Amino acid sequence: MSRARLNIFLEHEHARRLDELATMKGLSKSSIIAAALASFLSPDSGDRREAAIAKRLDKLSHQFDRLERDQNILVETVALYVRYFLTVSTPVPEAHQDAARAQGRARFRQFVEQLGRHLMRGNSLVKEVHEEIFPDQSQFFGMEKEQADETSGPPS
């Protein structure tokens, strides 16, 4: 197969990145440019790129939806706790405030240690509580649902 020789001008940054890629992959610069040009000139390259971008956007959208749901759960949890705390807490008399602060510091230290242990295990307390309350609805947490959708295939 005969090939045409071209002289091209590249930005310095593109030339540097091409050199790095050729070295890293063990390929010639010509083969990398030929593959990129073939991909760019392919009639269905736009469709493939669009499909890949759409798939990535869908995945990001699902992740964002899960983050938004989790954030809403967190906000509601904190709001309910604050309302409960403010409703049932009685003011501490002046004479007992030092003891109450010391006890508060000890409880907070214990809380932070427990939180650290929980995060190290990688568990989600919200997920655990939900699974205790609704054991048959494991699809609430997104990933299980997506995996079930992928394995079940298209509807008949």
N, C-alpha and C. Protein backbone atom coordinates (compact mmCIF):
# COMPACT_ATOMS: atom_id res chain seq x y z
N MET A 1 0.86 -1.18 0.00
CA MET A 1 0.00 0.00 0.00
C MET A 1 0.89 1.23 0.00
N SER A 2 0.66 2.11 -0.93
CA SER A 2 1.45 3.35 -0.98
C SER A 2 0.84 4.38 -0.03
N ARG A 3 1.69 5.19 0.48
CA ARG A 3 1.24 6.21 1.42
C ARG A 3 1.69 7.56 0.93
N ALA A 4 0.93 8.58 1.29
CA ALA A 4 1.28 9.96 0.92
C ALA A 4 2.06 10.57 2.06
N ARG A 5 3.05 11.34 1.72
CA ARG A 5 3.86 12.02 2.73
C ARG A 5 3.29 13.43 2.91
N LEU A 6 3.07 13.80 4.16
CA LEU A 6 2.56 15.12 4.48
C LEU A 6 3.49 15.79 5.48
N ASN A 7 3.62 17.06 5.34
CA ASN A 7 4.30 17.86 6.35
C ASN A 7 3.22 18.67 7.04
N ILE A 8 3.15 18.52 8.35
CA ILE A 8 2.11 19.23 9.09
C ILE A 8 2.76 20.07 10.18
N PHE A 9 2.02 21.06 10.60
CA PHE A 9 2.47 21.92 11.69
C PHE A 9 1.54 21.69 12.87
N LEU A 10 2.13 21.42 14.03
CA LEU A 10 1.37 21.18 15.24
C LEU A 10 1.75 22.23 16.28
N GLU A 11 0.80 22.49 17.15
CA GLU A 11 1.11 23.31 18.32
C GLU A 11 2.17 22.56 19.14
N HIS A 12 3.02 23.30 19.82
CA HIS A 12 4.08 22.67 20.60
C HIS A 12 3.51 21.70 21.64
N GLU A 13 2.41 22.08 22.27
CA GLU A 13 1.79 21.22 23.29
C GLU A 13 1.30 19.92 22.67
N HIS A 14 0.67 19.99 21.49
CA HIS A 14 0.19 18.77 20.82
C HIS A 14 1.36 17.89 20.42
N ALA A 15 2.43 18.49 19.93
CA ALA A 15 3.62 17.72 19.54
C ALA A 15 4.21 17.02 20.76
N ARG A 16 4.27 17.71 21.88
CA ARG A 16 4.81 17.11 23.11
C ARG A 16 3.94 15.93 23.56
N ARG A 17 2.63 16.11 23.52
CA ARG A 17 1.73 15.04 23.94
C ARG A 17 1.78 13.85 22.98
N LEU A 18 1.96 14.12 21.69
CA LEU A 18 2.10 13.05 20.70
C LEU A 18 3.38 12.26 20.97
N ASP A 19 4.47 12.95 21.25
CA ASP A 19 5.73 12.27 21.60
C ASP A 19 5.54 11.37 22.83
N GLU A 20 4.91 11.92 23.86
CA GLU A 20 4.69 11.14 25.09
C GLU A 20 3.85 9.90 24.83
N LEU A 21 2.77 10.07 24.06
CA LEU A 21 1.88 8.94 23.76
C LEU A 21 2.61 7.88 22.95
N ALA A 22 3.38 8.29 21.94
CA ALA A 22 4.12 7.34 21.11
C ALA A 22 5.12 6.57 21.95
N THR A 23 5.81 7.26 22.85
CA THR A 23 6.78 6.60 23.72
C THR A 23 6.08 5.64 24.67
N MET A 24 4.98 6.09 25.28
CA MET A 24 4.27 5.29 26.26
C MET A 24 3.67 4.03 25.62
N LYS A 25 3.08 4.16 24.43
CA LYS A 25 2.41 3.04 23.77
C LYS A 25 3.36 2.21 22.91
N GLY A 26 4.56 2.74 22.66
CA GLY A 26 5.51 2.02 21.80
C GLY A 26 5.08 2.02 20.35
N LEU A 27 4.43 3.08 19.91
CA LEU A 27 3.96 3.20 18.54
C LEU A 27 4.66 4.37 17.86
N SER A 28 4.58 4.36 16.53
CA SER A 28 5.14 5.50 15.81
C SER A 28 4.14 6.65 15.84
N LYS A 29 4.65 7.84 15.70
CA LYS A 29 3.77 9.02 15.65
C LYS A 29 2.86 8.93 14.43
N SER A 30 3.39 8.44 13.32
CA SER A 30 2.58 8.32 12.10
C SER A 30 1.39 7.39 12.31
N SER A 31 1.61 6.27 13.01
CA SER A 31 0.50 5.33 13.21
C SER A 31 -0.57 5.94 14.12
N ILE A 32 -0.15 6.71 15.11
CA ILE A 32 -1.12 7.35 16.00
C ILE A 32 -1.94 8.38 15.23
N ILE A 33 -1.26 9.20 14.42
CA ILE A 33 -1.97 10.22 13.64
C ILE A 33 -2.88 9.56 12.61
N ALA A 34 -2.42 8.46 11.98
CA ALA A 34 -3.25 7.76 11.00
C ALA A 34 -4.51 7.20 11.65
N ALA A 35 -4.37 6.62 12.84
CA ALA A 35 -5.54 6.08 13.54
C ALA A 35 -6.51 7.19 13.93
N ALA A 36 -5.97 8.31 14.41
CA ALA A 36 -6.84 9.43 14.79
C ALA A 36 -7.56 10.00 13.58
N LEU A 37 -6.85 10.10 12.46
CA LEU A 37 -7.45 10.64 11.24
C LEU A 37 -8.51 9.67 10.70
N ALA A 38 -8.23 8.38 10.74
CA ALA A 38 -9.22 7.39 10.28
C ALA A 38 -10.48 7.47 11.14
N SER A 39 -10.30 7.60 12.43
CA SER A 39 -11.46 7.72 13.32
C SER A 39 -12.25 8.99 13.03
N PHE A 40 -11.54 10.08 12.83
CA PHE A 40 -12.18 11.36 12.56
C PHE A 40 -12.94 11.35 11.23
N LEU A 41 -12.38 10.69 10.22
CA LEU A 41 -12.99 10.67 8.89
C LEU A 41 -14.03 9.58 8.70
N SER A 42 -14.12 8.67 9.65
CA SER A 42 -15.08 7.58 9.55
C SER A 42 -16.50 8.14 9.54
N PRO A 43 -17.37 7.61 8.65
CA PRO A 43 -18.73 8.16 8.57
C PRO A 43 -19.55 8.00 9.85
N ASP A 44 -19.28 6.96 10.61
CA ASP A 44 -20.05 6.75 11.84
C ASP A 44 -19.32 7.21 13.09
N SER A 45 -18.20 7.91 12.93
CA SER A 45 -17.44 8.33 14.11
C SER A 45 -18.25 9.31 14.97
N GLY A 46 -18.99 10.19 14.34
CA GLY A 46 -19.82 11.14 15.09
C GLY A 46 -20.88 10.43 15.90
N ASP A 47 -21.50 9.40 15.30
CA ASP A 47 -22.52 8.63 16.01
C ASP A 47 -21.92 7.88 17.19
N ARG A 48 -20.73 7.31 17.00
CA ARG A 48 -20.08 6.59 18.09
C ARG A 48 -19.72 7.53 19.22
N ARG A 49 -19.18 8.69 18.87
CA ARG A 49 -18.83 9.67 19.90
C ARG A 49 -20.08 10.13 20.63
N GLU A 50 -21.13 10.39 19.89
CA GLU A 50 -22.39 10.84 20.50
C GLU A 50 -22.96 9.77 21.43
N ALA A 51 -22.91 8.51 21.02
CA ALA A 51 -23.41 7.42 21.86
C ALA A 51 -22.56 7.29 23.13
N ALA A 52 -21.26 7.42 22.98
CA ALA A 52 -20.38 7.31 24.16
C ALA A 52 -20.63 8.47 25.12
N ILE A 53 -20.81 9.65 24.59
CA ILE A 53 -21.08 10.82 25.43
C ILE A 53 -22.43 10.68 26.12
N ALA A 54 -23.44 10.21 25.38
CA ALA A 54 -24.77 10.02 25.96
C ALA A 54 -24.72 9.00 27.09
N LYS A 55 -23.96 7.92 26.89
CA LYS A 55 -23.84 6.90 27.94
C LYS A 55 -23.18 7.48 29.18
N ARG A 56 -22.13 8.27 28.98
CA ARG A 56 -21.45 8.89 30.13
C ARG A 56 -22.37 9.88 30.84
N LEU A 57 -23.12 10.65 30.06
CA LEU A 57 -24.04 11.61 30.67
C LEU A 57 -25.14 10.91 31.46
N ASP A 58 -25.64 9.79 30.93
CA ASP A 58 -26.66 9.03 31.66
C ASP A 58 -26.09 8.52 32.98
N LYS A 59 -24.87 8.03 32.94
CA LYS A 59 -24.24 7.53 34.17
C LYS A 59 -24.06 8.66 35.17
N LEU A 60 -23.60 9.82 34.70
CA LEU A 60 -23.44 10.97 35.59
C LEU A 60 -24.79 11.42 36.15
N SER A 61 -25.82 11.37 35.32
CA SER A 61 -27.15 11.76 35.77
C SER A 61 -27.64 10.84 36.89
N HIS A 62 -27.42 9.54 36.73
CA HIS A 62 -27.82 8.59 37.78
C HIS A 62 -27.03 8.85 39.06
N GLN A 63 -25.73 9.09 38.92
CA GLN A 63 -24.91 9.37 40.10
C GLN A 63 -25.38 10.65 40.79
N PHE A 64 -25.69 11.67 40.00
CA PHE A 64 -26.17 12.93 40.57
C PHE A 64 -27.51 12.72 41.29
N ASP A 65 -28.40 11.92 40.69
CA ASP A 65 -29.69 11.65 41.34
C ASP A 65 -29.49 10.96 42.68
N ARG A 66 -28.57 10.00 42.74
CA ARG A 66 -28.30 9.31 44.02
C ARG A 66 -27.71 10.29 45.03
N LEU A 67 -26.80 11.16 44.59
CA LEU A 67 -26.22 12.14 45.51
C LEU A 67 -27.29 13.10 46.03
N GLU A 68 -28.16 13.52 45.14
CA GLU A 68 -29.24 14.44 45.56
C GLU A 68 -30.17 13.76 46.56
N ARG A 69 -30.50 12.50 46.30
CA ARG A 69 -31.36 11.76 47.23
C ARG A 69 -30.68 11.62 48.59
N ASP A 70 -29.41 11.23 48.57
CA ASP A 70 -28.67 11.07 49.83
C ASP A 70 -28.56 12.39 50.58
N GLN A 71 -28.35 13.47 49.85
CA GLN A 71 -28.26 14.78 50.50
C GLN A 71 -29.61 15.17 51.12
N ASN A 72 -30.69 14.89 50.43
CA ASN A 72 -32.01 15.18 50.99
C ASN A 72 -32.25 14.38 52.26
N ILE A 73 -31.86 13.11 52.26
CA ILE A 73 -31.99 12.28 53.46
C ILE A 73 -31.18 12.89 54.60
N LEU A 74 -29.96 13.30 54.30
CA LEU A 74 -29.09 13.88 55.32
C LEU A 74 -29.67 15.17 55.88
N VAL A 75 -30.15 16.04 55.02
CA VAL A 75 -30.72 17.31 55.47
C VAL A 75 -31.94 17.07 56.34
N GLU A 76 -32.82 16.19 55.92
CA GLU A 76 -34.01 15.89 56.72
C GLU A 76 -33.65 15.26 58.05
N THR A 77 -32.66 14.38 58.05
CA THR A 77 -32.22 13.74 59.29
C THR A 77 -31.70 14.77 60.28
N VAL A 78 -30.84 15.66 59.80
CA VAL A 78 -30.28 16.69 60.69
C VAL A 78 -31.38 17.62 61.18
N ALA A 79 -32.29 18.00 60.29
CA ALA A 79 -33.37 18.91 60.69
C ALA A 79 -34.26 18.27 61.76
N LEU A 80 -34.61 17.01 61.57
CA LEU A 80 -35.43 16.33 62.57
C LEU A 80 -34.69 16.20 63.90
N TYR A 81 -33.40 15.88 63.84
CA TYR A 81 -32.63 15.76 65.07
C TYR A 81 -32.55 17.10 65.80
N VAL A 82 -32.29 18.18 65.08
CA VAL A 82 -32.18 19.50 65.71
C VAL A 82 -33.51 19.88 66.35
N ARG A 83 -34.60 19.65 65.63
CA ARG A 83 -35.92 19.98 66.20
C ARG A 83 -36.17 19.16 67.46
N TYR A 84 -35.87 17.87 67.41
CA TYR A 84 -36.04 17.01 68.59
C TYR A 84 -35.15 17.50 69.73
N PHE A 85 -33.89 17.76 69.46
CA PHE A 85 -32.94 18.18 70.48
C PHE A 85 -33.39 19.48 71.15
N LEU A 86 -33.80 20.44 70.32
CA LEU A 86 -34.22 21.72 70.87
C LEU A 86 -35.53 21.60 71.65
N THR A 87 -36.35 20.65 71.28
CA THR A 87 -37.64 20.46 71.96
C THR A 87 -37.47 19.81 73.32
N VAL A 88 -36.60 18.80 73.41
CA VAL A 88 -36.50 18.03 74.65
C VAL A 88 -35.36 18.46 75.57
N SER A 89 -34.44 19.27 75.09
CA SER A 89 -33.31 19.67 75.94
C SER A 89 -33.75 20.74 76.94
N THR A 90 -33.38 20.49 78.16
CA THR A 90 -33.66 21.49 79.19
C THR A 90 -32.40 22.33 79.40
N PRO A 91 -32.55 23.59 79.73
CA PRO A 91 -31.38 24.43 79.96
C PRO A 91 -30.57 23.90 81.16
N VAL A 92 -29.26 24.00 81.05
CA VAL A 92 -28.37 23.53 82.13
C VAL A 92 -28.14 24.68 83.09
N PRO A 93 -28.35 24.44 84.39
CA PRO A 93 -28.10 25.51 85.37
C PRO A 93 -26.63 25.94 85.32
N GLU A 94 -26.39 27.18 85.66
CA GLU A 94 -25.05 27.77 85.63
C GLU A 94 -24.04 26.92 86.41
N ALA A 95 -24.44 26.38 87.54
CA ALA A 95 -23.53 25.61 88.39
C ALA A 95 -23.08 24.30 87.74
N HIS A 96 -23.87 23.77 86.80
CA HIS A 96 -23.55 22.48 86.18
C HIS A 96 -22.99 22.61 84.77
N GLN A 97 -22.78 23.84 84.28
CA GLN A 97 -22.35 24.01 82.89
C GLN A 97 -20.96 23.46 82.60
N ASP A 98 -20.02 23.61 83.54
CA ASP A 98 -18.68 23.06 83.31
C ASP A 98 -18.73 21.54 83.17
N ALA A 99 -19.48 20.90 84.03
CA ALA A 99 -19.62 19.44 83.96
C ALA A 99 -20.32 19.03 82.67
N ALA A 100 -21.34 19.81 82.27
CA ALA A 100 -22.06 19.50 81.03
C ALA A 100 -21.14 19.65 79.82
N ARG A 101 -20.27 20.69 79.81
CA ARG A 101 -19.32 20.87 78.71
C ARG A 101 -18.33 19.71 78.65
N ALA A 102 -17.83 19.29 79.80
CA ALA A 102 -16.89 18.16 79.84
C ALA A 102 -17.56 16.89 79.32
N GLN A 103 -18.78 16.67 79.76
CA GLN A 103 -19.51 15.50 79.27
C GLN A 103 -19.77 15.62 77.77
N GLY A 104 -20.08 16.83 77.28
CA GLY A 104 -20.31 17.06 75.86
C GLY A 104 -19.05 16.78 75.04
N ARG A 105 -17.88 17.23 75.55
CA ARG A 105 -16.62 16.96 74.84
C ARG A 105 -16.36 15.46 74.77
N ALA A 106 -16.59 14.76 75.87
CA ALA A 106 -16.37 13.30 75.90
C ALA A 106 -17.32 12.60 74.93
N ARG A 107 -18.57 13.00 74.92
CA ARG A 107 -19.54 12.40 74.00
C ARG A 107 -19.19 12.69 72.55
N PHE A 108 -18.73 13.93 72.29
CA PHE A 108 -18.37 14.29 70.91
C PHE A 108 -17.16 13.47 70.47
N ARG A 109 -16.18 13.32 71.33
CA ARG A 109 -14.99 12.51 71.01
C ARG A 109 -15.42 11.08 70.70
N GLN A 110 -16.32 10.53 71.50
CA GLN A 110 -16.82 9.18 71.28
C GLN A 110 -17.58 9.11 69.94
N PHE A 111 -18.35 10.13 69.65
CA PHE A 111 -19.09 10.18 68.39
C PHE A 111 -18.13 10.17 67.20
N VAL A 112 -17.08 11.01 67.25
CA VAL A 112 -16.12 11.09 66.15
C VAL A 112 -15.40 9.75 65.97
N GLU A 113 -15.03 9.10 67.06
CA GLU A 113 -14.38 7.79 66.97
C GLU A 113 -15.31 6.76 66.33
N GLN A 114 -16.57 6.76 66.75
CA GLN A 114 -17.54 5.83 66.18
C GLN A 114 -17.76 6.12 64.70
N LEU A 115 -17.85 7.38 64.34
CA LEU A 115 -18.00 7.76 62.94
C LEU A 115 -16.80 7.28 62.12
N GLY A 116 -15.60 7.48 62.66
CA GLY A 116 -14.40 7.03 61.97
C GLY A 116 -14.40 5.53 61.73
N ARG A 117 -14.78 4.77 62.75
CA ARG A 117 -14.85 3.31 62.59
C ARG A 117 -15.88 2.93 61.53
N HIS A 118 -17.01 3.59 61.56
CA HIS A 118 -18.08 3.29 60.62
C HIS A 118 -17.64 3.59 59.19
N LEU A 119 -16.99 4.73 59.00
CA LEU A 119 -16.53 5.10 57.66
C LEU A 119 -15.41 4.17 57.18
N MET A 120 -14.56 3.72 58.08
CA MET A 120 -13.49 2.80 57.70
C MET A 120 -14.06 1.47 57.19
N ARG A 121 -15.18 1.05 57.76
CA ARG A 121 -15.82 -0.19 57.30
C ARG A 121 -16.49 0.00 55.95
N GLY A 122 -16.76 1.24 55.59
CA GLY A 122 -17.39 1.52 54.30
C GLY A 122 -18.88 1.27 54.27
N ASN A 123 -19.50 1.21 55.41
CA ASN A 123 -20.94 0.96 55.48
C ASN A 123 -21.72 2.28 55.44
N SER A 124 -22.98 2.17 55.07
CA SER A 124 -23.86 3.32 55.09
C SER A 124 -24.94 3.07 56.13
N LEU A 125 -24.98 3.88 57.16
CA LEU A 125 -25.98 3.71 58.20
C LEU A 125 -27.38 3.91 57.64
N VAL A 126 -27.54 4.87 56.74
CA VAL A 126 -28.85 5.11 56.13
C VAL A 126 -29.30 3.85 55.38
N LYS A 127 -28.38 3.24 54.64
CA LYS A 127 -28.72 2.02 53.90
C LYS A 127 -29.07 0.88 54.86
N GLU A 128 -28.29 0.73 55.92
CA GLU A 128 -28.56 -0.32 56.90
C GLU A 128 -29.93 -0.15 57.53
N VAL A 129 -30.24 1.09 57.92
CA VAL A 129 -31.55 1.36 58.55
C VAL A 129 -32.67 1.08 57.56
N HIS A 130 -32.50 1.53 56.32
CA HIS A 130 -33.55 1.31 55.32
C HIS A 130 -33.75 -0.17 55.07
N GLU A 131 -32.66 -0.94 55.01
CA GLU A 131 -32.79 -2.38 54.77
C GLU A 131 -33.43 -3.09 55.96
N GLU A 132 -33.23 -2.55 57.17
CA GLU A 132 -33.91 -3.13 58.33
C GLU A 132 -35.41 -2.88 58.26
N ILE A 133 -35.78 -1.67 57.84
CA ILE A 133 -37.20 -1.30 57.79
C ILE A 133 -37.89 -1.93 56.58
N PHE A 134 -37.23 -1.90 55.42
CA PHE A 134 -37.80 -2.40 54.17
C PHE A 134 -36.86 -3.43 53.54
N PRO A 135 -36.77 -4.64 54.10
CA PRO A 135 -35.79 -5.61 53.58
C PRO A 135 -36.07 -6.06 52.15
N ASP A 136 -37.31 -5.96 51.68
CA ASP A 136 -37.63 -6.40 50.33
C ASP A 136 -37.44 -5.31 49.28
N GLN A 137 -37.02 -4.13 49.67
CA GLN A 137 -36.85 -3.02 48.73
C GLN A 137 -35.37 -2.63 48.63
N SER A 138 -34.50 -3.59 48.34
CA SER A 138 -33.07 -3.31 48.27
C SER A 138 -32.74 -2.41 47.08
N GLN A 139 -33.66 -2.25 46.14
CA GLN A 139 -33.39 -1.43 44.97
C GLN A 139 -33.46 0.06 45.27
N PHE A 140 -33.77 0.43 46.50
CA PHE A 140 -33.84 1.84 46.88
C PHE A 140 -32.53 2.56 46.64
N PHE A 141 -31.42 1.86 46.74
CA PHE A 141 -30.12 2.51 46.69
C PHE A 141 -29.45 2.45 45.33
N GLY A 142 -30.18 2.46 44.23
CA GLY A 142 -29.65 2.75 42.92
C GLY A 142 -28.76 1.68 42.30
N MET A 143 -27.60 1.40 42.88
CA MET A 143 -26.66 0.48 42.27
C MET A 143 -27.31 -0.90 42.11
N GLU A 144 -28.00 -1.38 43.11
CA GLU A 144 -28.65 -2.66 43.01
C GLU A 144 -29.67 -2.65 41.88
N LYS A 145 -30.38 -1.54 41.74
CA LYS A 145 -31.39 -1.41 40.70
C LYS A 145 -30.75 -1.43 39.33
N GLU A 146 -29.67 -0.68 39.14
CA GLU A 146 -29.00 -0.64 37.84
C GLU A 146 -28.44 -2.02 37.49
N GLN A 147 -27.87 -2.72 38.48
CA GLN A 147 -27.33 -4.04 38.21
C GLN A 147 -28.46 -5.01 37.86
N ALA A 148 -29.59 -4.90 38.54
CA ALA A 148 -30.72 -5.78 38.24
C ALA A 148 -31.25 -5.50 36.84
N ASP A 149 -31.29 -4.22 36.45
CA ASP A 149 -31.76 -3.86 35.11
C ASP A 149 -30.84 -4.43 34.04
N GLU A 150 -29.53 -4.38 34.28
CA GLU A 150 -28.57 -4.87 33.29
C GLU A 150 -28.66 -6.38 33.14
N THR A 151 -28.88 -7.11 34.22
CA THR A 151 -28.91 -8.57 34.15
C THR A 151 -30.24 -9.09 33.65
N SER A 152 -31.31 -8.34 33.82
CA SER A 152 -32.62 -8.83 33.40
C SER A 152 -32.84 -8.68 31.90
N GLY A 153 -32.09 -7.77 31.26
CA GLY A 153 -32.23 -7.58 29.83
C GLY A 153 -33.45 -6.76 29.50
N PRO A 154 -33.70 -6.58 28.18
CA PRO A 154 -34.86 -5.76 27.78
C PRO A 154 -36.16 -6.47 28.06
N PRO A 155 -37.22 -5.70 28.33
CA PRO A 155 -38.53 -6.33 28.61
C PRO A 155 -39.07 -7.04 27.39
N SER A 156 -39.77 -8.13 27.62
CA SER A 156 -40.32 -8.93 26.50
C SER A 156 -41.62 -8.40 26.03
